[in-house]
Protein backbone atom coordinates (compact mmCIF):
# COMPACT_ATOMS: atom_id res chain seq x y z
CA MET A 1 -15.59 -14.59 -25.96
CA ASN A 2 -13.13 -13.35 -23.34
CA LYS A 3 -10.29 -14.43 -25.61
CA ILE A 4 -11.76 -12.45 -28.48
CA LYS A 5 -12.18 -9.37 -26.29
CA ARG A 6 -8.55 -9.63 -25.25
CA ILE A 7 -7.67 -9.73 -28.93
CA LEU A 8 -9.76 -6.66 -29.73
CA LEU A 9 -8.16 -4.52 -27.02
CA PRO A 10 -4.77 -4.12 -28.74
CA VAL A 11 -6.51 -2.51 -31.72
CA MET A 12 -7.17 0.55 -29.59
CA ILE A 13 -3.67 0.44 -28.17
CA LEU A 14 -2.13 0.33 -31.63
CA LEU A 15 -4.24 3.24 -32.79
CA LEU A 16 -3.54 5.36 -29.72
CA LEU A 17 0.20 4.92 -29.67
CA THR A 18 0.82 8.64 -29.30
CA GLY A 19 -1.23 8.78 -26.12
CA SER A 20 -1.60 12.50 -25.53
CA THR A 21 -3.95 12.95 -28.48
CA THR A 22 -7.24 11.98 -26.90
CA ALA A 23 -9.21 13.05 -29.95
CA CYS A 24 -12.49 12.11 -28.33
CA SER A 25 -15.49 13.75 -26.80
CA SER A 26 -16.13 13.78 -23.08
CA ASP A 27 -18.66 10.97 -23.41
CA GLY A 28 -16.18 8.82 -25.31
CA LYS A 29 -17.97 9.10 -28.62
CA SER A 30 -16.27 9.91 -31.89
CA PRO A 31 -17.79 12.34 -34.41
CA ASN A 32 -20.91 10.95 -36.04
CA VAL A 33 -21.09 10.64 -39.81
CA VAL A 34 -24.10 10.55 -42.10
CA PHE A 35 -24.42 8.85 -45.46
CA THR A 36 -24.56 10.88 -48.64
CA THR A 37 -23.53 11.02 -52.29
CA GLY A 38 -21.61 13.44 -54.48
CA PHE A 39 -18.07 12.52 -53.46
CA ALA A 40 -14.88 12.95 -55.40
CA LYS A 41 -13.11 9.84 -56.67
CA ASN A 42 -11.67 7.76 -53.81
CA GLU A 43 -13.06 10.12 -51.16
CA ILE A 44 -14.08 8.13 -48.07
CA PHE A 45 -15.60 10.88 -45.94
CA ARG A 46 -15.79 14.59 -45.58
CA ILE A 47 -15.97 16.71 -42.42
CA GLU A 48 -16.80 20.27 -43.43
CA ASP A 49 -14.17 21.02 -46.11
CA GLU A 50 -11.67 18.41 -44.87
CA SER A 51 -11.62 15.20 -46.87
CA CYS A 52 -10.25 11.72 -46.16
CA SER A 53 -8.98 9.75 -49.13
CA LEU A 54 -8.90 6.02 -49.71
CA SER A 55 -5.09 6.02 -49.56
CA GLU A 56 -5.13 7.75 -46.14
CA ILE A 57 -7.50 5.14 -44.75
CA MET A 58 -5.39 2.35 -46.21
CA VAL A 59 -2.22 3.65 -44.52
CA TYR A 60 -3.94 3.43 -41.13
CA LEU A 61 -5.71 0.17 -41.91
CA THR A 62 -2.68 -1.64 -43.33
CA THR A 63 -0.50 -0.52 -40.43
CA THR A 64 -3.03 -1.88 -37.95
CA GLN A 65 -3.49 -5.10 -39.91
CA ASN A 66 0.22 -5.88 -40.00
CA GLN A 67 0.75 -4.98 -36.34
CA TYR A 68 -2.04 -7.41 -35.55
CA GLU A 69 -0.62 -10.17 -37.69
CA SER A 70 2.85 -9.76 -36.19
CA VAL A 71 1.37 -10.67 -32.80
CA TYR A 72 -1.44 -13.11 -33.61
CA GLY A 73 -0.67 -14.42 -37.08
CA LYS A 74 -2.65 -14.11 -40.28
CA GLU A 75 -5.33 -16.54 -39.06
CA ILE A 76 -6.57 -13.86 -36.65
CA TRP A 77 -8.92 -12.55 -39.33
CA ASN A 78 -11.05 -15.68 -38.95
CA VAL A 79 -12.21 -14.39 -35.55
CA THR A 80 -15.79 -13.15 -35.17
CA LEU A 81 -17.48 -11.52 -32.20
CA GLU A 82 -21.27 -11.55 -32.00
CA GLU A 83 -21.52 -12.03 -35.78
CA VAL A 84 -19.10 -9.15 -36.49
CA THR A 85 -15.79 -10.13 -38.06
CA LEU A 86 -12.56 -8.80 -36.64
CA GLU A 87 -11.86 -7.15 -39.99
CA GLU A 88 -15.13 -5.19 -39.75
CA ASN A 89 -14.34 -4.22 -36.17
CA VAL A 90 -10.85 -2.99 -37.09
CA LYS A 91 -12.24 -1.04 -40.06
CA GLU A 92 -14.69 0.79 -37.81
CA THR A 93 -11.98 1.52 -35.24
CA VAL A 94 -9.67 2.93 -37.91
CA LEU A 95 -12.50 5.03 -39.37
CA ALA A 96 -13.27 6.51 -35.94
CA LYS A 97 -9.60 7.22 -35.25
CA ILE A 98 -8.84 9.03 -38.48
CA ALA A 99 -12.14 10.95 -38.27
CA GLN A 100 -11.11 12.16 -34.82
CA ILE A 101 -7.69 13.26 -36.06
CA LYS A 102 -9.30 15.10 -38.98
CA THR A 103 -11.71 16.79 -36.56
CA MET A 104 -8.89 17.89 -34.28
CA TYR A 105 -7.03 19.20 -37.32
CA LEU A 106 -10.08 21.34 -38.10
CA LEU A 107 -10.09 22.47 -34.47
CA SER A 108 -6.44 23.50 -34.80
CA ARG A 109 -7.36 25.58 -37.84
CA ASP A 110 -10.25 27.13 -35.94
CA ARG A 111 -7.89 28.11 -33.11
CA GLU A 112 -5.18 29.17 -35.58
CA VAL A 113 -2.70 26.64 -34.21
CA LYS A 114 0.21 26.06 -36.58
CA LEU A 115 3.41 24.08 -36.66
CA ASN A 116 6.63 26.06 -36.35
CA MET A 117 9.54 25.57 -38.73
CA GLU A 118 11.26 23.06 -36.46
CA GLU A 119 8.08 20.97 -36.20
CA GLU A 120 7.54 21.14 -39.95
CA GLY A 121 11.08 19.87 -40.37
CA ARG A 122 10.33 16.89 -38.13
CA VAL A 123 7.18 16.13 -40.11
CA GLU A 124 9.19 16.21 -43.33
CA ALA A 125 11.87 13.92 -41.92
CA ALA A 126 9.28 11.47 -40.58
CA ALA A 127 7.37 11.44 -43.87
CA ASN A 128 10.51 10.78 -45.87
CA GLU A 129 11.66 8.00 -43.55
CA TYR A 130 8.32 6.20 -43.61
CA TYR A 131 7.70 6.62 -47.33
CA ASN A 132 11.21 5.43 -48.20
CA SER A 133 10.63 2.32 -46.07
CA LEU A 134 7.81 1.20 -48.39
CA ASN A 135 8.49 -1.22 -51.22
CA GLU A 136 6.99 -0.87 -54.68
CA THR A 137 4.20 -3.35 -53.99
CA GLU A 138 3.14 -1.47 -50.85
CA ILE A 139 3.17 1.87 -52.63
CA ASP A 140 1.11 0.42 -55.47
CA LEU A 141 -1.49 -1.46 -53.42
CA ILE A 142 -1.94 1.24 -50.77
CA ASP A 143 -1.79 3.81 -53.59
CA VAL A 144 0.17 6.17 -51.39
CA THR A 145 2.44 9.13 -52.17
CA LEU A 146 4.94 11.09 -50.11
CA ASP A 147 2.43 13.96 -50.04
CA THR A 148 -0.15 11.63 -48.45
CA ILE A 149 2.23 10.68 -45.64
CA ARG A 150 3.33 14.26 -45.14
CA SER A 151 -0.31 15.36 -44.82
CA LEU A 152 -1.18 12.58 -42.35
CA TYR A 153 1.80 13.40 -40.12
CA THR A 154 1.07 17.12 -40.30
CA GLN A 155 -2.51 16.62 -39.19
CA TYR A 156 -1.46 14.22 -36.44
CA ALA A 157 1.07 16.75 -35.14
CA LEU A 158 -1.49 19.57 -35.23
CA ALA A 159 -4.04 17.38 -33.45
CA GLU A 160 -1.55 16.83 -30.63
CA LYS A 161 -0.53 20.48 -30.57
CA VAL A 162 -4.09 21.84 -30.28
CA TYR A 163 -4.78 19.37 -27.47
CA GLN A 164 -1.69 20.55 -25.58
CA GLU A 165 -2.62 24.20 -26.15
CA ILE A 166 -6.10 23.69 -24.69
CA ILE A 167 -4.88 21.89 -21.57
CA GLU A 168 -1.59 23.71 -20.94
CA ASP A 169 -2.95 26.02 -18.22
CA ILE A 170 -4.96 23.33 -16.44
CA ASN A 171 -2.95 22.40 -13.35
CA PRO A 172 -5.42 21.87 -10.49
CA GLU A 173 -4.20 21.47 -6.93
CA ILE A 174 -4.91 17.92 -5.82
CA SER A 175 -4.80 17.29 -2.08
CA ASP A 176 -3.33 14.18 -0.49
CA ASP A 177 -6.77 13.22 0.74
CA GLU A 178 -8.34 13.48 -2.70
CA ALA A 179 -5.60 11.40 -4.28
CA ARG A 180 -4.97 9.11 -1.32
CA THR A 181 -4.20 5.56 -2.32
CA ILE A 182 -4.66 2.73 0.14
CA THR A 183 -3.66 -0.93 0.11
CA VAL A 184 -5.95 -3.69 1.36
CA GLN A 185 -6.28 -7.45 1.31
CA HIS A 186 -9.64 -9.11 1.03
CA ILE A 187 -11.52 -12.37 1.03
CA LEU A 188 -14.37 -12.64 -1.49
CA ILE A 189 -17.26 -15.07 -1.34
CA LYS A 190 -19.12 -14.70 -4.63
CA THR A 191 -22.88 -14.37 -5.01
CA TYR A 192 -22.98 -15.25 -8.67
CA THR A 193 -21.78 -17.82 -11.17
CA LEU A 194 -21.15 -17.75 -14.90
CA SER A 195 -23.23 -19.57 -17.47
CA GLY A 196 -21.68 -21.59 -20.28
CA ALA A 197 -22.00 -18.48 -22.45
CA GLY A 198 -20.06 -16.42 -19.93
CA LYS A 199 -23.07 -14.47 -18.63
CA VAL A 200 -23.47 -13.59 -14.94
CA VAL A 201 -26.13 -15.64 -13.13
CA LYS A 202 -27.05 -14.34 -9.65
CA TYR A 203 -27.40 -16.83 -6.80
CA SER A 204 -30.82 -17.65 -5.43
CA GLU A 205 -31.76 -16.15 -2.04
CA SER A 206 -30.99 -19.38 -0.23
CA THR A 207 -27.60 -19.75 -1.92
CA ARG A 208 -26.80 -16.11 -1.14
CA GLU A 209 -27.61 -16.73 2.51
CA THR A 210 -25.25 -19.71 2.54
CA ALA A 211 -22.53 -17.51 1.04
CA TYR A 212 -23.19 -14.83 3.65
CA GLN A 213 -22.93 -17.28 6.53
CA ARG A 214 -19.67 -18.56 5.10
CA ALA A 215 -18.35 -14.99 4.94
CA LEU A 216 -19.37 -14.40 8.57
CA SER A 217 -17.53 -17.54 9.61
CA LEU A 218 -14.37 -16.50 7.74
CA ARG A 219 -14.48 -13.06 9.35
CA GLU A 220 -14.64 -14.62 12.80
CA MET A 221 -11.58 -16.68 11.91
CA ALA A 222 -9.80 -13.56 10.65
CA VAL A 223 -10.44 -11.42 13.74
CA SER A 224 -9.75 -14.20 16.24
CA GLY A 225 -6.02 -13.69 15.84
CA GLU A 226 -5.46 -17.41 15.38
CA HIS A 227 -5.24 -17.24 11.60
CA ASP A 228 -3.08 -15.20 9.27
CA PHE A 229 -5.38 -13.10 7.05
CA GLN A 230 -3.37 -13.61 3.88
CA SER A 231 -3.35 -17.37 4.41
CA LEU A 232 -7.13 -17.36 4.89
CA ALA A 233 -7.53 -15.34 1.70
CA ALA A 234 -5.28 -17.68 -0.25
CA ALA A 235 -7.26 -20.69 0.96
CA TYR A 236 -10.83 -19.40 0.77
CA SER A 237 -11.17 -16.24 -1.33
CA GLU A 238 -12.91 -16.62 -4.69
CA ASP A 239 -10.94 -13.73 -6.17
CA ASN A 240 -7.60 -14.49 -7.80
CA ASN A 241 -6.26 -11.21 -6.40
CA ILE A 242 -5.82 -10.87 -2.67
CA THR A 243 -4.20 -7.43 -2.51
CA TYR A 244 -5.49 -4.19 -4.07
CA SER A 245 -4.09 -0.66 -4.06
CA PHE A 246 -6.55 1.99 -5.22
CA GLY A 247 -7.76 5.55 -4.89
CA LYS A 248 -11.22 7.00 -4.49
CA GLY A 249 -13.66 6.28 -7.28
CA GLU A 250 -11.83 3.21 -8.54
CA MET A 251 -13.71 0.38 -6.82
CA ASP A 252 -17.27 -0.67 -6.07
CA PHE A 253 -18.75 2.03 -3.82
CA SER A 254 -19.58 -0.18 -0.84
CA PHE A 255 -16.17 -1.90 -0.96
CA GLU A 256 -14.37 1.43 -1.27
CA GLU A 257 -16.34 3.13 1.49
CA ALA A 258 -15.61 0.34 3.94
CA ALA A 259 -11.93 0.16 2.98
CA PHE A 260 -11.28 3.90 3.33
CA ASN A 261 -12.79 3.91 6.82
CA LEU A 262 -10.41 1.25 8.13
CA GLU A 263 -7.28 1.90 10.15
CA THR A 264 -4.07 0.02 9.41
CA GLU A 265 -4.42 -3.69 10.35
CA GLU A 266 -8.16 -3.25 11.00
CA ILE A 267 -10.55 -5.84 9.54
CA SER A 268 -13.96 -4.81 8.24
CA LYS A 269 -17.33 -6.34 8.88
CA VAL A 270 -18.78 -8.38 6.02
CA VAL A 271 -19.28 -5.96 3.12
CA GLU A 272 -21.62 -6.69 0.21
CA SER A 273 -20.84 -5.58 -3.36
CA GLU A 274 -22.04 -6.58 -6.82
CA SER A 275 -19.50 -9.40 -6.75
CA GLY A 276 -20.44 -10.87 -3.39
CA TYR A 277 -19.39 -10.66 0.26
CA HIS A 278 -16.00 -9.26 1.26
CA ILE A 279 -13.90 -9.26 4.39
CA ILE A 280 -11.36 -6.46 4.03
CA LYS A 281 -8.13 -5.90 5.93
CA CYS A 282 -6.34 -2.56 5.65
CA ILE A 283 -2.62 -2.95 4.99
CA SER A 284 -1.80 0.72 4.52
CA THR A 285 -3.98 3.82 4.87
CA PHE A 286 -1.58 5.94 2.83
CA ASN A 287 0.99 5.18 0.17
CA ARG A 288 3.04 8.28 -0.71
CA GLU A 289 4.46 6.98 -3.98
CA GLU A 290 1.13 5.72 -5.31
CA THR A 291 -0.74 8.80 -4.03
CA ASP A 292 1.64 11.08 -5.94
CA ALA A 293 1.15 8.95 -9.04
CA ASN A 294 -2.61 9.16 -8.56
CA LYS A 295 -2.39 12.97 -8.41
CA LEU A 296 -0.87 12.95 -11.88
CA LYS A 297 -3.64 10.66 -13.10
CA ILE A 298 -6.35 12.92 -11.65
CA VAL A 299 -4.78 16.01 -13.24
CA GLU A 300 -4.68 14.29 -16.62
CA GLN A 301 -8.32 13.27 -16.25
CA ARG A 302 -9.29 16.87 -15.44
CA ARG A 303 -7.43 18.02 -18.54
CA LYS A 304 -9.25 15.51 -20.71
CA GLU A 305 -12.57 16.66 -19.30
CA VAL A 306 -11.82 20.30 -20.11
CA PHE A 307 -10.64 19.37 -23.58
CA GLY A 308 -13.69 17.16 -24.08
CA GLN A 309 -16.05 20.05 -23.35
CA GLU A 310 -14.46 22.23 -26.04
CA TYR A 311 -14.21 19.30 -28.46
CA ASP A 312 -17.88 18.38 -27.99
CA GLU A 313 -19.00 21.93 -28.66
CA PHE A 314 -16.85 22.13 -31.77
CA VAL A 315 -17.97 18.74 -33.12
CA SER A 316 -21.65 19.60 -32.70
CA SER A 317 -21.32 22.32 -35.33
CA LEU A 318 -19.70 20.16 -38.02
CA VAL A 319 -21.27 18.56 -41.08
CA ARG A 320 -19.96 15.03 -41.56
CA ASN A 321 -20.57 12.79 -44.59
CA LEU A 322 -19.53 9.21 -45.35
CA ASN A 323 -19.20 7.62 -48.79
CA GLU A 324 -20.98 4.44 -47.78
CA SER A 325 -20.54 2.45 -50.98
CA LEU A 326 -16.78 3.07 -51.19
CA TRP A 327 -16.35 2.44 -47.47
CA ASP A 328 -18.17 -0.89 -47.67
CA SER A 329 -15.96 -1.99 -50.57
CA ILE A 330 -12.71 -1.62 -48.63
CA THR A 331 -10.96 -4.85 -47.60
CA LEU A 332 -7.65 -5.69 -45.98
CA ILE A 333 -4.66 -6.25 -48.24
CA HIS A 334 -3.53 -9.87 -48.10
CA ASN A 335 -0.16 -9.89 -49.83
CA ASN A 336 3.06 -11.30 -48.43
CA GLN A 337 5.01 -8.31 -49.74
CA VAL A 338 2.84 -5.83 -47.84
CA THR A 339 4.32 -5.84 -44.33
CA THR A 340 4.56 -2.15 -43.40
CA SER A 341 3.63 -1.64 -39.75
CA ASP A 342 5.63 1.28 -38.37
CA PHE A 343 3.64 4.33 -39.49
CA PHE A 344 2.95 5.30 -35.87
CA ASP A 345 6.39 4.22 -34.64
CA VAL A 346 8.12 6.55 -37.10
CA TYR A 347 5.90 9.42 -35.96
CA ILE A 348 6.79 8.79 -32.31
CA LYS A 349 10.48 8.75 -33.21
CA TYR A 350 10.22 12.35 -34.37
CA PHE A 351 7.55 13.49 -31.92
CA PRO A 352 8.47 11.62 -28.71
CA LYS A 353 6.48 12.00 -25.53
């Protein structure tokens, strides 16, 4: 199962290649759709008056499929996760992504955000480059036109532009203390095991007590001065990682609280977390380079939160409809002549970050 989850993760990466377009609500949910009838031919869904065609979906879906196959091979589509095939999972991910872009395009219209002539020129150049890269079989099976590609790139660019417009004045002052990043080493004695199915099984009370006594013994060895902490961790810790650098809000609360209260070279008492018992040694109470990087991360998170609030409010007012029968009929294209995979790469070439 862990292998399958590692396989599923790149789907999101491939679909979010342009990064700055979050296109999501503050709770991480994409716009909901409801099932209905009365659609035009080859219309997959409709959000208000904005429609998504079968050819638009197939551009996204085929790009994702071929990016996947270039990494994992064609046999990847035999993978299932909890009775859901990878193909079904990718379809749902693509549907959510393009629905979000369409929603942000509507938001750009609502805010009267438009592309300037230079940006329109870049869209045109990108559309021509991508469309001209397609062979006749790809054009036929995806059923795509230059107008389709031009429209997709235009909406993608407007989605990014409205996001940037909403967040452009959000530059909060982040103090060193708020963004402070520390570095620690630790020894972990676990209080759980994993079943054959990969599920967490907590230790019994007696086994937990044994683990606690072992942690106490290791702490005594660590503070005695007779043993190097890193060597103890390498020999006895049940975590593959010995060293962690992190800011506030990134770790288990009890672990983080104990770590942030340590002075450099100080060793904590035994600290309990969801994972087990820890002995923590502070290596550095402040890392300038990582703290500055964390400030940028906090600012970006604040921007996403502000954008998410406006996006949520906008989405709540929209009517969304899905052509269920047509959507269910869509399958991946398995044809050796259909290899196109650079739809997003071409966009990034003309709209770099």
